[in-house]
């Protein structure tokens, strides 16, 4: 959606929340917790034709922190769950 086209419905009615104020911080509604004292702000893209939302971490340094703190998805387990 960052390129301006919805992958779900093909619409070009895409809007970005990149420049929204107060998207991070302790009361930020546009962020996710990374750790106990760390928050990652999000850039959201919304298709106003079908309602699909995509979110991206806005600070590259938070990506490295997430890789250190969060569990990696086990693809073997995901594939097993899908085949049940």
PDB file of N, CA and C in Angstrom:
ATOM      1  N   UNK A   1       0.822  -1.198   0.000  1.00  0.00           N
ATOM      2  CA  UNK A   1       0.000   0.000   0.000  1.00  0.00           C
ATOM      3  C   UNK A   1       0.860   1.253   0.000  1.00  0.00           C
ATOM      4  N   UNK A   2       2.121   1.096   0.388  1.00  0.00           N
ATOM      5  CA  UNK A   2       3.009   2.262   0.386  1.00  0.00           C
ATOM      6  C   UNK A   2       3.156   2.848  -1.017  1.00  0.00           C
ATOM      7  N   UNK A   3       2.906   2.035  -2.035  1.00  0.00           N
ATOM      8  CA  UNK A   3       2.997   2.516  -3.415  1.00  0.00           C
ATOM      9  C   UNK A   3       1.674   3.085  -3.921  1.00  0.00           C
ATOM     10  N   UNK A   4       0.664   3.125  -3.040  1.00  0.00           N
ATOM     11  CA  UNK A   4      -0.597   3.760  -3.409  1.00  0.00           C
ATOM     12  C   UNK A   4      -1.633   2.855  -4.036  1.00  0.00           C
ATOM     13  N   UNK A   5      -1.480   1.533  -3.879  1.00  0.00           N
ATOM     14  CA  UNK A   5      -2.475   0.606  -4.419  1.00  0.00           C
ATOM     15  C   UNK A   5      -2.772  -0.468  -3.387  1.00  0.00           C
ATOM     16  N   UNK A   6      -4.039  -0.764  -3.203  1.00  0.00           N
ATOM     17  CA  UNK A   6      -4.475  -1.759  -2.232  1.00  0.00           C
ATOM     18  C   UNK A   6      -4.241  -3.170  -2.777  1.00  0.00           C
ATOM     19  N   UNK A   7      -3.544  -4.025  -2.018  1.00  0.00           N
ATOM     20  CA  UNK A   7      -3.317  -5.393  -2.482  1.00  0.00           C
ATOM     21  C   UNK A   7      -4.572  -6.269  -2.411  1.00  0.00           C
ATOM     22  N   UNK A   8      -5.571  -5.829  -1.662  1.00  0.00           N
ATOM     23  CA  UNK A   8      -6.797  -6.622  -1.508  1.00  0.00           C
ATOM     24  C   UNK A   8      -7.804  -6.337  -2.621  1.00  0.00           C
ATOM     25  N   UNK A   9      -8.100  -5.050  -2.864  1.00  0.00           N
ATOM     26  CA  UNK A   9      -9.151  -4.720  -3.828  1.00  0.00           C
ATOM     27  C   UNK A   9      -8.645  -3.982  -5.066  1.00  0.00           C
ATOM     28  N   UNK A  10      -7.377  -3.552  -5.059  1.00  0.00           N
ATOM     29  CA  UNK A  10      -6.814  -2.868  -6.222  1.00  0.00           C
ATOM     30  C   UNK A  10      -7.085  -1.375  -6.277  1.00  0.00           C
ATOM     31  N   UNK A  11      -7.798  -0.846  -5.308  1.00  0.00           N
ATOM     32  CA  UNK A  11      -8.128   0.583  -5.294  1.00  0.00           C
ATOM     33  C   UNK A  11      -6.879   1.436  -5.106  1.00  0.00           C
ATOM     34  N   UNK A  12      -6.954   2.651  -5.605  1.00  0.00           N
ATOM     35  CA  UNK A  12      -5.877   3.620  -5.398  1.00  0.00           C
ATOM     36  C   UNK A  12      -6.292   4.682  -4.373  1.00  0.00           C
ATOM     37  N   UNK A  13      -7.372   4.420  -3.639  1.00  0.00           N
ATOM     38  CA  UNK A  13      -7.843   5.330  -2.588  1.00  0.00           C
ATOM     39  C   UNK A  13      -7.135   4.984  -1.278  1.00  0.00           C
ATOM     40  N   UNK A  14      -5.828   5.251  -1.230  1.00  0.00           N
ATOM     41  CA  UNK A  14      -4.986   4.914  -0.096  1.00  0.00           C
ATOM     42  C   UNK A  14      -4.585   6.193   0.634  1.00  0.00           C
ATOM     43  N   UNK A  15      -4.691   6.173   1.947  1.00  0.00           N
ATOM     44  CA  UNK A  15      -4.338   7.327   2.767  1.00  0.00           C
ATOM     45  C   UNK A  15      -3.321   6.903   3.818  1.00  0.00           C
ATOM     46  N   UNK A  16      -2.387   7.803   4.105  1.00  0.00           N
ATOM     47  CA  UNK A  16      -1.289   7.509   5.017  1.00  0.00           C
ATOM     48  C   UNK A  16      -1.397   8.333   6.292  1.00  0.00           C
ATOM     49  N   UNK A  17      -1.067   7.692   7.430  1.00  0.00           N
ATOM     50  CA  UNK A  17      -1.032   8.379   8.707  1.00  0.00           C
ATOM     51  C   UNK A  17       0.387   8.679   9.160  1.00  0.00           C
ATOM     52  N   UNK A  18       1.332   8.733   8.217  1.00  0.00           N
ATOM     53  CA  UNK A  18       2.737   8.965   8.569  1.00  0.00           C
ATOM     54  C   UNK A  18       2.955  10.241   9.361  1.00  0.00           C
ATOM     55  N   UNK A  19       2.241  11.293   9.043  1.00  0.00           N
ATOM     56  CA  UNK A  19       2.480  12.598   9.656  1.00  0.00           C
ATOM     57  C   UNK A  19       1.534  12.938  10.804  1.00  0.00           C
ATOM     58  N   UNK A  20       0.868  11.941  11.362  1.00  0.00           N
ATOM     59  CA  UNK A  20      -0.031  12.175  12.488  1.00  0.00           C
ATOM     60  C   UNK A  20       0.792  12.513  13.733  1.00  0.00           C
ATOM     61  N   UNK A  21       0.394  13.566  14.412  1.00  0.00           N
ATOM     62  CA  UNK A  21       1.091  13.959  15.649  1.00  0.00           C
ATOM     63  C   UNK A  21       0.718  13.003  16.780  1.00  0.00           C
ATOM     64  N   UNK A  22       1.608  12.873  17.740  1.00  0.00           N
ATOM     65  CA  UNK A  22       1.380  12.079  18.950  1.00  0.00           C
ATOM     66  C   UNK A  22       1.134  10.603  18.673  1.00  0.00           C
ATOM     67  N   UNK A  23       1.776  10.068  17.646  1.00  0.00           N
ATOM     68  CA  UNK A  23       1.568   8.655  17.360  1.00  0.00           C
ATOM     69  C   UNK A  23       2.421   7.743  18.228  1.00  0.00           C
ATOM     70  N   UNK A  24       3.333   8.319  19.000  1.00  0.00           N
ATOM     71  CA  UNK A  24       4.127   7.502  19.914  1.00  0.00           C
ATOM     72  C   UNK A  24       4.108   8.135  21.290  1.00  0.00           C
ATOM     73  N   UNK A  25       4.775   7.503  22.224  1.00  0.00           N
ATOM     74  CA  UNK A  25       4.776   7.990  23.594  1.00  0.00           C
ATOM     75  C   UNK A  25       3.877   7.134  24.453  1.00  0.00           C
ATOM     76  N   UNK A  26       3.812   7.402  25.738  1.00  0.00           N
ATOM     77  CA  UNK A  26       3.058   6.535  26.640  1.00  0.00           C
ATOM     78  C   UNK A  26       1.563   6.497  26.372  1.00  0.00           C
ATOM     79  N   UNK A  27       1.022   7.521  25.739  1.00  0.00           N
ATOM     80  CA  UNK A  27      -0.412   7.546  25.459  1.00  0.00           C
ATOM     81  C   UNK A  27      -0.692   7.475  23.970  1.00  0.00           C
ATOM     82  N   UNK A  28       0.328   7.138  23.194  1.00  0.00           N
ATOM     83  CA  UNK A  28       0.169   7.058  21.746  1.00  0.00           C
ATOM     84  C   UNK A  28      -0.768   5.930  21.346  1.00  0.00           C
ATOM     85  N   UNK A  29      -1.744   6.247  20.545  1.00  0.00           N
ATOM     86  CA  UNK A  29      -2.682   5.224  20.106  1.00  0.00           C
ATOM     87  C   UNK A  29      -2.227   4.600  18.797  1.00  0.00           C
ATOM     88  N   UNK A  30      -1.144   5.111  18.253  1.00  0.00           N
ATOM     89  CA  UNK A  30      -0.645   4.614  16.985  1.00  0.00           C
ATOM     90  C   UNK A  30       0.730   3.996  17.214  1.00  0.00           C
ATOM     91  N   UNK A  31       0.827   3.110  18.205  1.00  0.00           N
ATOM     92  CA  UNK A  31       2.100   2.500  18.550  1.00  0.00           C
ATOM     93  C   UNK A  31       1.873   1.125  19.162  1.00  0.00           C
ATOM     94  N   UNK A  32       2.954   0.353  19.239  1.00  0.00           N
ATOM     95  CA  UNK A  32       2.899  -0.962  19.870  1.00  0.00           C
ATOM     96  C   UNK A  32       4.033  -1.071  20.884  1.00  0.00           C
ATOM     97  N   UNK A  33       3.822  -1.827  21.953  1.00  0.00           N
ATOM     98  CA  UNK A  33       4.898  -2.016  22.918  1.00  0.00           C
ATOM     99  C   UNK A  33       5.943  -2.972  22.353  1.00  0.00           C
ATOM    100  N   UNK A  34       7.222  -2.613  22.526  1.00  0.00           N
ATOM    101  CA  UNK A  34       8.326  -3.475  22.105  1.00  0.00           C
ATOM    102  C   UNK A  34       8.876  -4.202  23.320  1.00  0.00           C
ATOM    103  N   UNK A  35       8.983  -3.492  24.410  1.00  0.00           N
ATOM    104  CA  UNK A  35       9.454  -4.031  25.673  1.00  0.00           C
ATOM    105  C   UNK A  35       8.814  -3.260  26.796  1.00  0.00           C
ATOM    106  N   UNK A  36       9.277  -3.480  28.000  1.00  0.00           N
ATOM    107  CA  UNK A  36       8.685  -2.838  29.167  1.00  0.00           C
ATOM    108  C   UNK A  36       8.723  -1.312  29.088  1.00  0.00           C
ATOM    109  N   UNK A  37       9.810  -0.753  28.588  1.00  0.00           N
ATOM    110  CA  UNK A  37       9.950   0.705  28.518  1.00  0.00           C
ATOM    111  C   UNK A  37      10.148   1.214  27.095  1.00  0.00           C
ATOM    112  N   UNK A  38       9.848   0.392  26.114  1.00  0.00           N
ATOM    113  CA  UNK A  38      10.085   0.778  24.724  1.00  0.00           C
ATOM    114  C   UNK A  38       8.800   0.668  23.911  1.00  0.00           C
ATOM    115  N   UNK A  39       8.533   1.699  23.127  1.00  0.00           N
ATOM    116  CA  UNK A  39       7.340   1.759  22.289  1.00  0.00           C
ATOM    117  C   UNK A  39       7.764   2.073  20.860  1.00  0.00           C
ATOM    118  N   UNK A  40       7.159   1.397  19.899  1.00  0.00           N
ATOM    119  CA  UNK A  40       7.436   1.658  18.484  1.00  0.00           C
ATOM    120  C   UNK A  40       6.222   2.318  17.856  1.00  0.00           C
ATOM    121  N   UNK A  41       6.429   3.495  17.291  1.00  0.00           N
ATOM    122  CA  UNK A  41       5.318   4.165  16.616  1.00  0.00           C
ATOM    123  C   UNK A  41       5.104   3.534  15.245  1.00  0.00           C
ATOM    124  N   UNK A  42       3.860   3.609  14.778  1.00  0.00           N
ATOM    125  CA  UNK A  42       3.463   2.972  13.524  1.00  0.00           C
ATOM    126  C   UNK A  42       3.053   4.004  12.485  1.00  0.00           C
ATOM    127  N   UNK A  43       3.365   3.697  11.243  1.00  0.00           N
ATOM    128  CA  UNK A  43       2.821   4.432  10.107  1.00  0.00           C
ATOM    129  C   UNK A  43       1.748   3.534   9.512  1.00  0.00           C
ATOM    130  N   UNK A  44       0.512   4.021   9.491  1.00  0.00           N
ATOM    131  CA  UNK A  44      -0.607   3.235   8.974  1.00  0.00           C
ATOM    132  C   UNK A  44      -1.016   3.715   7.595  1.00  0.00           C
ATOM    133  N   UNK A  45      -1.416   2.762   6.779  1.00  0.00           N
ATOM    134  CA  UNK A  45      -1.950   3.042   5.451  1.00  0.00           C
ATOM    135  C   UNK A  45      -3.330   2.410   5.388  1.00  0.00           C
ATOM    136  N   UNK A  46      -4.314   3.177   4.939  1.00  0.00           N
ATOM    137  CA  UNK A  46      -5.699   2.719   4.929  1.00  0.00           C
ATOM    138  C   UNK A  46      -6.272   2.827   3.530  1.00  0.00           C
ATOM    139  N   UNK A  47      -6.917   1.765   3.082  1.00  0.00           N
ATOM    140  CA  UNK A  47      -7.670   1.792   1.834  1.00  0.00           C
ATOM    141  C   UNK A  47      -9.093   2.181   2.189  1.00  0.00           C
ATOM    142  N   UNK A  48      -9.543   3.323   1.679  1.00  0.00           N
ATOM    143  CA  UNK A  48     -10.897   3.775   2.011  1.00  0.00           C
ATOM    144  C   UNK A  48     -11.958   3.101   1.143  1.00  0.00           C
ATOM    145  N   UNK A  49     -11.546   2.269   0.199  1.00  0.00           N
ATOM    146  CA  UNK A  49     -12.515   1.532  -0.606  1.00  0.00           C
ATOM    147  C   UNK A  49     -12.956   0.253   0.103  1.00  0.00           C
ATOM    148  N   UNK A  50     -11.988  -0.479   0.713  1.00  0.00           N
ATOM    149  CA  UNK A  50     -12.354  -1.761   1.339  1.00  0.00           C
ATOM    150  C   UNK A  50     -12.049  -1.821   2.829  1.00  0.00           C
ATOM    151  N   UNK A  51     -11.288  -0.855   3.346  1.00  0.00           N
ATOM    152  CA  UNK A  51     -11.004  -0.825   4.771  1.00  0.00           C
ATOM    153  C   UNK A  51      -9.732  -1.542   5.204  1.00  0.00           C
ATOM    154  N   UNK A  52      -8.976  -2.090   4.279  1.00  0.00           N
ATOM    155  CA  UNK A  52      -7.732  -2.762   4.645  1.00  0.00           C
ATOM    156  C   UNK A  52      -6.762  -1.758   5.256  1.00  0.00           C
ATOM    157  N   UNK A  53      -6.084  -2.175   6.327  1.00  0.00           N
ATOM    158  CA  UNK A  53      -5.089  -1.344   6.993  1.00  0.00           C
ATOM    159  C   UNK A  53      -3.773  -2.098   7.026  1.00  0.00           C
ATOM    160  N   UNK A  54      -2.680  -1.416   6.673  1.00  0.00           N
ATOM    161  CA  UNK A  54      -1.342  -1.965   6.820  1.00  0.00           C
ATOM    162  C   UNK A  54      -0.576  -1.037   7.744  1.00  0.00           C
ATOM    163  N   UNK A  55       0.197  -1.617   8.659  1.00  0.00           N
ATOM    164  CA  UNK A  55       0.997  -0.843   9.602  1.00  0.00           C
ATOM    165  C   UNK A  55       2.468  -1.185   9.444  1.00  0.00           C
ATOM    166  N   UNK A  56       3.312  -0.159   9.543  1.00  0.00           N
ATOM    167  CA  UNK A  56       4.752  -0.329   9.428  1.00  0.00           C
ATOM    168  C   UNK A  56       5.423   0.401  10.584  1.00  0.00           C
ATOM    169  N   UNK A  57       6.468  -0.195  11.142  1.00  0.00           N
ATOM    170  CA  UNK A  57       7.263   0.461  12.181  1.00  0.00           C
ATOM    171  C   UNK A  57       7.932   1.670  11.550  1.00  0.00           C
ATOM    172  N   UNK A  58       7.784   2.835  12.169  1.00  0.00           N
ATOM    173  CA  UNK A  58       8.317   4.053  11.560  1.00  0.00           C
ATOM    174  C   UNK A  58       9.784   4.310  11.868  1.00  0.00           C
ATOM    175  N   UNK A  59      10.308   3.721  12.949  1.00  0.00           N
ATOM    176  CA  UNK A  59      11.717   3.927  13.320  1.00  0.00           C
ATOM    177  C   UNK A  59      12.506   2.643  13.068  1.00  0.00           C
ATOM    178  N   UNK A  60      13.493   2.715  12.182  1.00  0.00           N
ATOM    179  CA  UNK A  60      14.281   1.528  11.812  1.00  0.00           C
ATOM    180  C   UNK A  60      14.994   0.916  13.021  1.00  0.00           C
ATOM    181  N   UNK A  61      15.411   1.725  13.992  1.00  0.00           N
ATOM    182  CA  UNK A  61      16.112   1.186  15.164  1.00  0.00           C
ATOM    183  C   UNK A  61      15.198   0.254  15.968  1.00  0.00           C
ATOM    184  N   UNK A  62      13.909   0.480  15.936  1.00  0.00           N
ATOM    185  CA  UNK A  62      12.966  -0.374  16.665  1.00  0.00           C
ATOM    186  C   UNK A  62      12.877  -1.766  16.038  1.00  0.00           C
ATOM    187  N   UNK A  63      13.163  -1.883  14.735  1.00  0.00           N
ATOM    188  CA  UNK A  63      13.130  -3.190  14.083  1.00  0.00           C
ATOM    189  C   UNK A  63      14.193  -4.107  14.673  1.00  0.00           C
ATOM    190  N   UNK A  64      15.382  -3.571  14.906  1.00  0.00           N
ATOM    191  CA  UNK A  64      16.454  -4.365  15.512  1.00  0.00           C
ATOM    192  C   UNK A  64      16.093  -4.759  16.944  1.00  0.00           C
ATOM    193  N   UNK A  65      15.470  -3.840  17.659  1.00  0.00           N
ATOM    194  CA  UNK A  65      15.068  -4.126  19.039  1.00  0.00           C
ATOM    195  C   UNK A  65      14.005  -5.225  19.066  1.00  0.00           C
ATOM    196  N   UNK A  66      13.070  -5.167  18.151  1.00  0.00           N
ATOM    197  CA  UNK A  66      12.037  -6.207  18.074  1.00  0.00           C
ATOM    198  C   UNK A  66      12.673  -7.560  17.779  1.00  0.00           C
ATOM    199  N   UNK A  67      13.642  -7.577  16.860  1.00  0.00           N
ATOM    200  CA  UNK A  67      14.318  -8.836  16.519  1.00  0.00           C
ATOM    201  C   UNK A  67      15.041  -9.433  17.722  1.00  0.00           C
ATOM    202  N   UNK A  68      15.520  -8.588  18.621  1.00  0.00           N
ATOM    203  CA  UNK A  68      16.200  -9.077  19.833  1.00  0.00           C
ATOM    204  C   UNK A  68      15.211  -9.542  20.897  1.00  0.00           C
ATOM    205  N   UNK A  69      14.085  -8.847  21.044  1.00  0.00           N
ATOM    206  CA  UNK A  69      13.179  -9.083  22.168  1.00  0.00           C
ATOM    207  C   UNK A  69      12.028 -10.047  21.869  1.00  0.00           C
ATOM    208  N   UNK A  70      11.516 -10.040  20.671  1.00  0.00           N
ATOM    209  CA  UNK A  70      10.337 -10.835  20.346  1.00  0.00           C
ATOM    210  C   UNK A  70      10.742 -12.208  19.830  1.00  0.00           C
ATOM    211  N   UNK A  71       9.813 -13.151  19.907  1.00  0.00           N
ATOM    212  CA  UNK A  71      10.035 -14.488  19.365  1.00  0.00           C
ATOM    213  C   UNK A  71       9.787 -14.486  17.861  1.00  0.00           C
ATOM    214  N   UNK A  72      10.692 -15.157  17.152  1.00  0.00           N
ATOM    215  CA  UNK A  72      10.516 -15.307  15.703  1.00  0.00           C
ATOM    216  C   UNK A  72       9.396 -16.318  15.461  1.00  0.00           C
ATOM    217  N   UNK A  73       8.596 -16.117  14.434  1.00  0.00           N
ATOM    218  CA  UNK A  73       7.528 -17.045  14.081  1.00  0.00           C
ATOM    219  C   UNK A  73       8.156 -18.322  13.544  1.00  0.00           C
ATOM    220  N   UNK A  74       7.711 -19.452  14.074  1.00  0.00           N
ATOM    221  CA  UNK A  74       8.202 -20.748  13.658  1.00  0.00           C
ATOM    222  C   UNK A  74       7.367 -21.199  12.459  1.00  0.00           C
ATOM    223  N   UNK A  75       7.950 -21.147  11.266  1.00  0.00           N
ATOM    224  CA  UNK A  75       7.201 -21.480  10.051  1.00  0.00           C
ATOM    225  C   UNK A  75       6.735 -22.922  10.026  1.00  0.00           C
ATOM    226  N   UNK A  76       7.522 -23.837  10.605  1.00  0.00           N
ATOM    227  CA  UNK A  76       7.099 -25.234  10.649  1.00  0.00           C
ATOM    228  C   UNK A  76       5.822 -25.382  11.459  1.00  0.00           C
ATOM    229  N   UNK A  77       5.738 -24.677  12.595  1.00  0.00           N
ATOM    230  CA  UNK A  77       4.543 -24.746  13.435  1.00  0.00           C
ATOM    231  C   UNK A  77       3.356 -24.115  12.713  1.00  0.00           C
ATOM    232  N   UNK A  78       3.574 -23.004  12.029  1.00  0.00           N
ATOM    233  CA  UNK A  78       2.493 -22.339  11.302  1.00  0.00           C
ATOM    234  C   UNK A  78       1.957 -23.263  10.219  1.00  0.00           C
ATOM    235  N   UNK A  79       2.859 -23.898   9.461  1.00  0.00           N
ATOM    236  CA  UNK A  79       2.428 -24.825   8.404  1.00  0.00           C
ATOM    237  C   UNK A  79       1.686 -26.015   8.980  1.00  0.00           C
ATOM    238  N   UNK A  80       2.148 -26.547  10.134  1.00  0.00           N
ATOM    239  CA  UNK A  80       1.447 -27.655  10.775  1.00  0.00           C
ATOM    240  C   UNK A  80       0.051 -27.241  11.204  1.00  0.00           C
ATOM    241  N   UNK A  81      -0.083 -26.046  11.773  1.00  0.00           N
ATOM    242  CA  UNK A  81      -1.384 -25.550  12.221  1.00  0.00           C
ATOM    243  C   UNK A  81      -2.346 -25.378  11.042  1.00  0.00           C
ATOM    244  N   UNK A  82      -1.825 -24.943   9.902  1.00  0.00           N
ATOM    245  CA  UNK A  82      -2.678 -24.750   8.719  1.00  0.00           C
ATOM    246  C   UNK A  82      -3.162 -26.073   8.151  1.00  0.00           C
ATOM    247  N   UNK A  83      -2.392 -27.133   8.322  1.00  0.00           N
ATOM    248  CA  UNK A  83      -2.744 -28.440   7.764  1.00  0.00           C
ATOM    249  C   UNK A  83      -3.658 -29.252   8.674  1.00  0.00           C
ATOM    250  N   UNK A  84      -3.988 -28.733   9.840  1.00  0.00           N
ATOM    251  CA  UNK A  84      -4.866 -29.461  10.776  1.00  0.00           C
ATOM    252  C   UNK A  84      -6.309 -29.252  10.427  1.00  0.00           C
TER     253      UNK A  84
END
